[in-house]
Amino acid sequence: MNAPSQVVVPPSPQVTWRTHYALFMLAIIYIFNYIDRLVVSILIEPIKLEFGVSDTLIGLLSGVAFALFYTVFGLPFSRLADRFGRKPVIAVACIAWSLMTMFCGLASSFVVLLICRIGVAVGEAGGSAPSVAMVSSLYPQGQRSRALAVLLMGPAVGALVGLALGGWIAEVYGWRWAFIATGAPGILLGLLLLLTVREPPRAEVTPAQQGSDGFVQTLTSLLATPSYLLIIIGGSLAAVAGYAIATWNPSFLIRSHGLTLKEAGLLMGLGGGVISVLGTLACGWFTDRMTARHRGWQLGTALLGSLLSIPFCLAFYLWPADTAFHVGSVAVPTAGLFYAGFAFFGMWWSVPCFGSMSQLFPANKLAQATAILFMGITLFGVGLGPLVVGMLSDLFKQAAGEEALRYSLASTVSLLALSCVCLAFAIPRYVRQVNNNFSAD
């Protein structure tokens, strides 16, 4: 199979209150997906203190170990979702990763904690891609980017709640209770999704599309689609920088700006998280508005946001330590003002890239195509981002001392420029493919 599958453009789905309720439930579950994933970043310092491990091993815990197992299980779970329904796969996955997050709080050693984090990764592998595919089936094209923006607020809101609440719980009750408290709600959410949300009807596919392609055939078919590989590479490069920043920012503020654990969590969570939510919603609105004028803006928005985020991010890491103002008892460094700009534009690559999947692929391959995009983002972003920064921090320590983390984080920002190059090359290929899909309909 050398050619990509022809996309059959389905009739626009009818939007009702049940549609919005399903989106609400999926968005809440996706938020807890990221709360459970990111809470470990605010707990790095107490975990290091208790188990006596290096930054490299912490990078392994929060990055490579999570990413490898997430990647291995992502496509099989998405194939199940495409064939048998997305709702049950998402619900069971949510319950599974929530239980494993709670078990992290019971870990008796670093090895046990690592095994529990692997369990979280396996569970979360069944939630992300099927959720994107389900939302794409719920809403018509003219509203899809805004709907996906609501879903993809998960990383921003997850950072807001996970870092702020996790930091407070860790400081008051200890780091173990932070895992237990953030994991517990997901069990109830998984049950609610299973019992109260209706599976949306999926678009009809042709008999030829009903074939039982194996993994290799499916992967070959998807990668034969123009622009798809460039979208994967561009998203993965952006994710390397993004996940490195999300994981290590609290420690950077503690080490380089003298903030406490709670202050770092509040600044990254409440400050960066709220602004990231606004940025993600703005991206969805802007993408729908501009794509109605020209289809190239589906990826053009991702390119624009990534370009705008680069100077803000560099300024955040290279600005010297001082205090601009206080919010209550929290001292806000001047550098935090630049982080606000990065937080607004830093995730603009995600909504357009995920939204483009529904225009490139038929319904019976949508979750799988999305899963492979998630695999690239997770394997390189979650896997390499935290680990590379941890290794660079250890490497720079002799020369830079406590400022080693500052320069290791700043060095990863260059990957955003490479992401922009990939997106720029992807845009004309994407436009040609989508025009062909619609003209053939």
Protein backbone atom coordinates (compact mmCIF):
# COMPACT_ATOMS: atom_id res chain seq x y z
CA MET A 1 0.00 0.00 0.00
CA ASN A 2 1.94 2.99 -1.26
CA ALA A 3 -0.69 5.70 -1.49
CA PRO A 4 -2.56 7.37 1.30
CA SER A 5 -6.22 6.53 1.84
CA GLN A 6 -8.68 8.93 0.23
CA VAL A 7 -10.54 10.99 2.81
CA VAL A 8 -14.32 10.77 2.59
CA VAL A 9 -15.63 14.09 3.90
CA PRO A 10 -18.63 13.25 6.11
CA PRO A 11 -21.76 15.35 6.56
CA SER A 12 -21.37 17.96 9.28
CA PRO A 13 -22.42 16.51 12.66
CA GLN A 14 -25.32 18.16 14.48
CA VAL A 15 -24.16 20.05 17.58
CA THR A 16 -26.43 19.68 20.64
CA TRP A 17 -26.07 19.98 24.40
CA ARG A 18 -24.89 16.37 24.44
CA THR A 19 -22.06 17.38 22.11
CA HIS A 20 -20.91 20.11 24.48
CA TYR A 21 -21.29 17.80 27.50
CA ALA A 22 -19.12 15.15 25.83
CA LEU A 23 -16.48 17.82 25.07
CA PHE A 24 -16.65 19.01 28.68
CA MET A 25 -16.06 15.50 30.04
CA LEU A 26 -13.23 14.79 27.61
CA ALA A 27 -11.60 18.14 28.45
CA ILE A 28 -11.77 17.50 32.21
CA ILE A 29 -10.27 14.02 31.73
CA TYR A 30 -7.51 15.45 29.53
CA ILE A 31 -6.75 18.05 32.20
CA PHE A 32 -6.25 15.27 34.76
CA ASN A 33 -4.16 13.42 32.19
CA TYR A 34 -1.70 16.31 32.36
CA ILE A 35 -2.07 16.92 36.08
CA ASP A 36 -0.98 13.32 36.68
CA ARG A 37 1.77 13.63 34.08
CA LEU A 38 3.21 16.99 35.19
CA VAL A 39 2.82 16.88 38.96
CA VAL A 40 6.17 15.07 39.19
CA SER A 41 7.94 18.23 37.96
CA ILE A 42 7.04 20.21 41.10
CA LEU A 43 8.12 17.23 43.23
CA ILE A 44 11.62 16.86 41.75
CA GLU A 45 13.47 18.49 44.63
CA PRO A 46 11.85 16.50 47.51
CA ILE A 47 12.12 13.24 45.49
CA LYS A 48 15.83 13.91 44.91
CA LEU A 49 16.31 14.62 48.59
CA GLU A 50 14.56 11.44 49.77
CA PHE A 51 16.06 8.99 47.26
CA GLY A 52 19.43 10.74 46.66
CA VAL A 53 19.35 10.62 42.84
CA SER A 54 20.94 12.83 40.15
CA ASP A 55 19.29 15.21 37.68
CA THR A 56 19.94 12.62 34.96
CA LEU A 57 17.94 9.95 36.83
CA ILE A 58 15.16 12.49 37.43
CA GLY A 59 15.14 13.12 33.68
CA LEU A 60 14.82 9.37 33.17
CA LEU A 61 11.87 9.25 35.59
CA SER A 62 9.99 12.18 34.10
CA GLY A 63 11.06 11.65 30.50
CA VAL A 64 12.45 8.56 28.79
CA ALA A 65 10.75 5.88 30.92
CA PHE A 66 7.38 7.59 30.50
CA ALA A 67 7.82 8.29 26.79
CA LEU A 68 8.96 4.83 25.72
CA PHE A 69 6.00 3.00 27.21
CA TYR A 70 3.54 5.70 26.15
CA THR A 71 4.83 5.34 22.60
CA VAL A 72 4.75 1.52 22.55
CA PHE A 73 1.13 1.32 23.71
CA GLY A 74 -0.25 4.41 21.94
CA LEU A 75 -0.92 2.90 18.50
CA PRO A 76 -2.43 -0.44 19.70
CA PHE A 77 -4.88 1.40 21.96
CA SER A 78 -5.79 3.79 19.14
CA ARG A 79 -6.39 0.89 16.75
CA LEU A 80 -8.82 -0.51 19.34
CA ALA A 81 -10.51 2.89 19.57
CA ASP A 82 -10.89 3.19 15.77
CA ARG A 83 -12.39 -0.28 15.52
CA PHE A 84 -14.48 -0.71 18.67
CA GLY A 85 -15.23 2.79 19.96
CA ARG A 86 -13.30 5.65 21.49
CA LYS A 87 -15.35 6.22 24.63
CA PRO A 88 -14.69 2.87 26.38
CA VAL A 89 -10.95 3.01 25.60
CA ILE A 90 -10.67 6.54 27.03
CA ALA A 91 -12.68 5.64 30.15
CA VAL A 92 -10.69 2.52 31.03
CA ALA A 93 -7.42 4.31 30.33
CA CYS A 94 -8.40 7.19 32.63
CA ILE A 95 -9.14 4.83 35.51
CA ALA A 96 -5.88 2.94 34.94
CA TRP A 97 -3.52 5.95 34.87
CA SER A 98 -5.27 7.50 37.88
CA LEU A 99 -4.71 4.37 39.96
CA MET A 100 -1.04 4.25 38.95
CA THR A 101 -0.60 7.92 39.89
CA MET A 102 -1.89 7.14 43.36
CA PHE A 103 0.50 4.18 43.61
CA CYS A 104 3.39 6.62 42.94
CA GLY A 105 2.65 8.11 46.33
CA LEU A 106 3.17 4.72 47.96
CA ALA A 107 6.56 4.03 46.33
CA SER A 108 9.12 2.68 48.78
CA SER A 109 12.13 3.30 46.51
CA PHE A 110 13.14 5.15 43.36
CA VAL A 111 12.83 1.93 41.34
CA VAL A 112 9.25 1.38 42.54
CA LEU A 113 8.42 5.01 41.73
CA LEU A 114 9.86 4.50 38.24
CA ILE A 115 7.70 1.38 37.71
CA CYS A 116 4.58 3.27 38.83
CA ARG A 117 5.36 6.12 36.43
CA ILE A 118 5.63 3.55 33.64
CA GLY A 119 2.13 2.40 34.64
CA VAL A 120 0.90 5.99 34.34
CA ALA A 121 2.41 6.16 30.84
CA VAL A 122 0.70 2.94 29.72
CA GLY A 123 -2.67 4.22 30.94
CA GLU A 124 -2.31 7.66 29.39
CA ALA A 125 -1.40 6.07 26.04
CA GLY A 126 -5.05 5.09 25.69
CA GLY A 127 -6.48 8.53 26.39
CA SER A 128 -4.89 11.23 24.25
CA ALA A 129 -5.28 10.24 20.58
CA PRO A 130 -8.79 8.73 20.96
CA SER A 131 -9.90 11.95 22.70
CA VAL A 132 -8.69 14.12 19.82
CA ALA A 133 -10.36 11.78 17.31
CA MET A 134 -13.63 11.77 19.28
CA VAL A 135 -13.77 15.58 19.47
CA SER A 136 -13.04 15.77 15.72
CA SER A 137 -16.08 13.49 15.18
CA LEU A 138 -18.29 15.61 17.43
CA TYR A 139 -17.89 19.00 15.70
CA PRO A 140 -18.06 20.26 12.08
CA GLN A 141 -14.96 21.64 10.40
CA GLY A 142 -15.90 25.29 11.02
CA GLN A 143 -15.96 24.74 14.80
CA ARG A 144 -13.36 22.01 15.14
CA SER A 145 -10.28 24.08 16.02
CA ARG A 146 -12.18 25.88 18.78
CA ALA A 147 -13.44 22.55 20.13
CA LEU A 148 -9.94 21.06 19.97
CA ALA A 149 -8.61 24.17 21.72
CA VAL A 150 -10.96 23.47 24.63
CA LEU A 151 -9.68 19.88 24.79
CA LEU A 152 -6.04 20.86 24.32
CA MET A 153 -6.19 23.29 27.22
CA GLY A 154 -5.26 20.12 29.14
CA PRO A 155 -1.51 20.84 29.28
CA ALA A 156 -2.05 24.45 30.40
CA VAL A 157 -4.75 23.75 32.98
CA GLY A 158 -2.92 20.60 34.03
CA ALA A 159 0.18 22.69 34.68
CA LEU A 160 -1.89 25.28 36.53
CA VAL A 161 -3.51 22.76 38.87
CA GLY A 162 -0.74 20.18 38.99
CA LEU A 163 2.05 22.62 39.79
CA ALA A 164 0.13 24.98 42.07
CA LEU A 165 -1.87 22.37 43.97
CA GLY A 166 0.91 19.78 43.86
CA GLY A 167 3.44 22.26 45.25
CA TRP A 168 1.10 23.30 48.06
CA ILE A 169 0.23 19.70 49.01
CA ALA A 170 3.90 18.68 48.91
CA GLU A 171 4.94 21.55 51.16
CA VAL A 172 2.14 21.00 53.69
CA TYR A 173 1.61 17.22 53.63
CA GLY A 174 4.61 15.80 51.74
CA TRP A 175 5.27 14.82 48.13
CA ARG A 176 3.56 11.41 48.44
CA TRP A 177 0.17 12.97 49.18
CA ALA A 178 0.49 15.15 46.07
CA PHE A 179 0.44 11.99 43.90
CA ILE A 180 -2.46 10.45 45.84
CA ALA A 181 -4.63 13.58 45.81
CA THR A 182 -4.17 14.34 42.11
CA GLY A 183 -4.70 10.73 41.02
CA ALA A 184 -7.94 9.96 42.88
CA PRO A 185 -10.43 12.11 40.88
CA GLY A 186 -9.64 10.35 37.60
CA ILE A 187 -11.28 7.13 38.77
CA LEU A 188 -14.64 8.89 39.13
CA LEU A 189 -14.18 10.77 35.84
CA GLY A 190 -13.56 7.55 33.92
CA LEU A 191 -16.75 6.02 35.31
CA LEU A 192 -18.78 9.16 34.51
CA LEU A 193 -17.56 9.17 30.91
CA LEU A 194 -18.45 5.51 30.49
CA LEU A 195 -21.94 5.88 31.95
CA THR A 196 -23.12 9.34 30.81
CA VAL A 197 -21.52 10.19 27.45
CA ARG A 198 -22.77 8.86 24.11
CA GLU A 199 -20.29 7.61 21.53
CA PRO A 200 -20.61 9.89 18.46
CA PRO A 201 -21.54 8.19 15.17
CA ARG A 202 -18.51 7.83 12.95
CA ALA A 203 -18.43 8.68 9.28
CA GLU A 204 -19.14 5.91 6.80
CA VAL A 205 -16.10 4.38 5.15
CA THR A 206 -15.84 2.48 1.91
CA PRO A 207 -15.45 -1.32 1.87
CA ALA A 208 -11.82 -0.92 0.82
CA GLN A 209 -11.19 1.19 3.91
CA GLN A 210 -12.63 -1.54 6.14
CA GLY A 211 -9.55 -3.73 5.55
CA SER A 212 -7.60 -5.09 8.47
CA ASP A 213 -4.25 -3.44 7.78
CA GLY A 214 -1.49 -4.46 10.13
CA PHE A 215 0.79 -2.05 11.95
CA VAL A 216 3.38 -1.79 9.15
CA GLN A 217 0.75 -1.33 6.42
CA THR A 218 -1.05 1.34 8.42
CA LEU A 219 2.16 3.20 9.22
CA THR A 220 3.29 3.06 5.58
CA SER A 221 -0.08 4.35 4.38
CA LEU A 222 -0.12 7.24 6.83
CA LEU A 223 3.47 8.32 6.23
CA ALA A 224 2.81 8.35 2.47
CA THR A 225 0.50 11.32 3.02
CA PRO A 226 2.16 14.60 1.98
CA SER A 227 3.01 16.92 4.89
CA TYR A 228 2.28 14.29 7.60
CA LEU A 229 5.91 13.44 8.38
CA LEU A 230 6.83 17.14 8.45
CA ILE A 231 3.99 17.81 10.90
CA ILE A 232 5.23 14.99 13.13
CA ILE A 233 8.83 16.26 13.08
CA GLY A 234 7.80 19.88 13.62
CA GLY A 235 5.49 18.99 16.51
CA SER A 236 8.08 16.70 18.06
CA LEU A 237 10.80 19.37 18.00
CA ALA A 238 8.46 21.89 19.61
CA ALA A 239 7.53 19.31 22.20
CA VAL A 240 11.18 18.63 23.14
CA ALA A 241 11.54 22.26 24.19
CA GLY A 242 8.03 22.45 25.65
CA TYR A 243 8.27 19.40 27.90
CA ALA A 244 11.78 20.29 29.01
CA ILE A 245 10.51 23.71 30.04
CA ALA A 246 7.42 22.31 31.80
CA THR A 247 9.47 19.75 33.73
CA TRP A 248 12.40 21.89 34.82
CA ASN A 249 10.94 25.40 35.18
CA PRO A 250 10.05 25.01 38.89
CA SER A 251 13.58 23.82 39.68
CA PHE A 252 15.01 26.70 37.58
CA LEU A 253 13.04 29.25 39.60
CA ILE A 254 14.12 27.61 42.86
CA ARG A 255 17.81 27.40 41.93
CA SER A 256 18.32 30.60 39.92
CA HIS A 257 15.70 32.97 41.37
CA GLY A 258 15.54 31.76 44.98
CA LEU A 259 11.81 30.94 45.04
CA THR A 260 10.38 28.36 47.43
CA LEU A 261 8.69 25.18 46.24
CA LYS A 262 5.24 26.68 46.79
CA GLU A 263 6.14 29.99 45.13
CA ALA A 264 7.55 28.25 42.06
CA GLY A 265 4.43 26.10 41.77
CA LEU A 266 2.14 29.11 42.08
CA LEU A 267 4.07 31.18 39.55
CA MET A 268 4.29 28.41 36.94
CA GLY A 269 0.81 27.07 37.62
CA LEU A 270 -1.36 30.12 38.24
CA GLY A 271 0.74 32.50 36.15
CA GLY A 272 1.90 30.42 33.21
CA GLY A 273 -1.11 28.10 33.33
CA VAL A 274 -3.78 30.80 33.11
CA ILE A 275 -1.97 32.58 30.29
CA SER A 276 -1.46 29.29 28.43
CA VAL A 277 -5.20 28.62 28.65
CA LEU A 278 -5.94 32.04 27.14
CA GLY A 279 -3.32 31.46 24.46
CA THR A 280 -4.72 28.04 23.52
CA LEU A 281 -8.29 29.38 23.25
CA ALA A 282 -7.05 32.33 21.19
CA CYS A 283 -5.21 29.91 18.91
CA GLY A 284 -8.39 27.88 18.31
CA TRP A 285 -10.44 30.98 17.52
CA PHE A 286 -7.72 32.43 15.26
CA THR A 287 -7.22 29.13 13.42
CA ASP A 288 -10.93 28.67 12.64
CA ARG A 289 -11.22 32.30 11.52
CA MET A 290 -8.14 32.26 9.29
CA THR A 291 -8.67 28.76 7.88
CA ALA A 292 -12.07 29.88 6.59
CA ARG A 293 -10.13 32.31 4.38
CA HIS A 294 -7.33 29.96 3.33
CA ARG A 295 -6.66 26.33 4.27
CA GLY A 296 -2.94 27.03 4.67
CA TRP A 297 -3.64 28.84 7.93
CA GLN A 298 -4.40 25.47 9.56
CA LEU A 299 -0.61 25.06 9.89
CA GLY A 300 0.26 28.73 9.35
CA THR A 301 -1.09 29.49 12.82
CA ALA A 302 1.29 26.92 14.30
CA LEU A 303 4.23 28.53 12.48
CA LEU A 304 3.27 32.04 13.58
CA GLY A 305 2.89 31.11 17.24
CA SER A 306 6.18 29.20 17.36
CA LEU A 307 8.07 32.11 15.80
CA LEU A 308 6.61 34.57 18.32
CA SER A 309 7.43 32.32 21.29
CA ILE A 310 11.20 32.10 20.64
CA PRO A 311 12.35 35.59 21.79
CA PHE A 312 10.13 35.46 24.87
CA CYS A 313 11.59 32.11 25.92
CA LEU A 314 15.21 33.17 25.46
CA ALA A 315 14.64 36.35 27.45
CA PHE A 316 13.03 34.35 30.27
CA TYR A 317 16.09 32.15 30.75
CA LEU A 318 18.84 34.70 30.12
CA TRP A 319 17.42 37.60 32.14
CA PRO A 320 19.34 38.11 35.41
CA ALA A 321 17.70 37.28 38.74
CA ASP A 322 15.82 40.16 40.35
CA THR A 323 12.31 40.88 41.60
CA ALA A 324 9.85 42.94 39.56
CA PHE A 325 6.90 43.00 41.97
CA HIS A 326 5.04 40.96 44.56
CA VAL A 327 1.67 39.21 44.19
CA GLY A 328 0.64 38.74 47.79
CA SER A 329 3.59 37.01 49.39
CA VAL A 330 4.98 35.67 46.08
CA ALA A 331 7.97 37.50 44.62
CA VAL A 332 7.63 37.61 40.83
CA PRO A 333 11.02 37.78 39.04
CA THR A 334 11.34 40.19 36.12
CA ALA A 335 12.03 37.16 33.94
CA GLY A 336 8.51 35.93 34.72
CA LEU A 337 7.11 38.75 32.58
CA PHE A 338 8.84 37.26 29.54
CA TYR A 339 7.54 33.83 30.47
CA ALA A 340 4.01 35.23 30.15
CA GLY A 341 4.66 35.90 26.46
CA PHE A 342 6.05 32.42 25.94
CA ALA A 343 3.12 30.87 27.83
CA PHE A 344 0.64 32.62 25.50
CA PHE A 345 2.27 31.55 22.21
CA GLY A 346 4.21 28.45 23.26
CA MET A 347 1.41 25.94 22.60
CA TRP A 348 0.10 27.43 19.35
CA TRP A 349 1.64 24.55 17.41
CA SER A 350 -0.58 21.90 19.05
CA VAL A 351 -4.18 22.82 18.15
CA PRO A 352 -3.49 23.38 14.41
CA CYS A 353 -1.32 20.27 14.06
CA PHE A 354 -3.86 17.99 15.72
CA GLY A 355 -6.72 19.66 13.87
CA SER A 356 -5.05 18.96 10.54
CA MET A 357 -5.37 15.19 11.08
CA SER A 358 -9.12 15.16 10.41
CA GLN A 359 -8.53 16.81 7.03
CA LEU A 360 -5.77 14.42 5.97
CA PHE A 361 -7.14 11.00 6.99
CA PRO A 362 -10.38 8.95 6.81
CA ALA A 363 -12.44 8.24 9.93
CA ASN A 364 -11.21 4.66 10.34
CA LYS A 365 -7.59 5.85 10.61
CA LEU A 366 -8.04 9.16 12.42
CA ALA A 367 -7.19 7.95 15.94
CA GLN A 368 -4.24 5.95 14.61
CA ALA A 369 -2.86 8.92 12.66
CA THR A 370 -3.30 11.09 15.75
CA ALA A 371 -1.63 8.41 17.87
CA ILE A 372 1.46 8.39 15.66
CA LEU A 373 1.66 12.18 15.99
CA PHE A 374 1.36 11.75 19.77
CA MET A 375 4.03 9.03 19.61
CA GLY A 376 6.51 11.39 17.98
CA ILE A 377 5.67 14.21 20.38
CA THR A 378 5.91 11.93 23.41
CA LEU A 379 8.94 9.88 22.41
CA PHE A 380 11.03 12.94 21.59
CA GLY A 381 9.29 15.63 23.67
CA VAL A 382 8.54 13.81 26.91
CA GLY A 383 11.36 11.31 26.39
CA LEU A 384 14.27 13.50 25.34
CA GLY A 385 13.29 16.95 26.62
CA PRO A 386 13.62 16.40 30.40
CA LEU A 387 16.50 13.92 30.01
CA VAL A 388 18.60 16.15 27.74
CA VAL A 389 18.16 19.13 30.04
CA GLY A 390 19.05 16.99 33.07
CA MET A 391 22.20 15.68 31.34
CA LEU A 392 23.23 19.16 30.18
CA SER A 393 22.65 20.50 33.68
CA ASP A 394 24.95 17.86 35.15
CA LEU A 395 27.50 18.56 32.38
CA PHE A 396 27.46 22.35 32.87
CA LYS A 397 27.55 22.14 36.67
CA GLN A 398 31.32 22.33 37.01
CA ALA A 399 31.51 25.52 34.94
CA ALA A 400 28.22 27.22 35.87
CA GLY A 401 27.40 25.85 39.32
CA GLU A 402 23.80 26.51 40.36
CA GLU A 403 23.23 28.39 37.08
CA ALA A 404 23.83 25.21 35.02
CA LEU A 405 20.11 24.56 34.68
CA ARG A 406 19.56 28.08 33.33
CA TYR A 407 21.91 27.54 30.38
CA SER A 408 20.81 23.97 29.70
CA LEU A 409 17.20 25.17 29.36
CA ALA A 410 18.18 28.12 27.17
CA SER A 411 20.04 25.81 24.79
CA THR A 412 16.90 23.77 24.05
CA VAL A 413 15.02 26.80 22.72
CA SER A 414 16.92 26.51 19.42
CA LEU A 415 14.77 23.46 18.63
CA LEU A 416 11.76 25.75 18.22
CA ALA A 417 13.48 27.35 15.22
CA LEU A 418 13.90 23.93 13.59
CA SER A 419 10.22 23.25 14.26
CA CYS A 420 9.34 26.43 12.36
CA VAL A 421 11.37 25.26 9.35
CA CYS A 422 9.44 21.95 9.24
CA LEU A 423 6.08 23.70 9.50
CA ALA A 424 7.02 26.13 6.73
CA PHE A 425 7.80 23.22 4.38
CA ALA A 426 4.63 21.36 5.46
CA ILE A 427 2.15 24.14 4.63
CA PRO A 428 2.13 23.94 0.78
CA ARG A 429 2.07 20.12 0.88
CA TYR A 430 -0.83 20.16 3.32
CA VAL A 431 -2.83 22.60 1.19
CA ARG A 432 -2.40 20.48 -1.95
CA GLN A 433 -3.51 17.31 -0.15
CA VAL A 434 -6.60 18.90 1.43
CA ASN A 435 -7.62 20.55 -1.83
CA ASN A 436 -7.38 17.16 -3.52
CA ASN A 437 -9.50 15.56 -0.77
CA PHE A 438 -12.27 18.12 -1.12
CA SER A 439 -12.21 18.23 -4.92
CA ALA A 440 -12.50 14.42 -5.03
CA ASP A 441 -15.50 14.41 -2.67
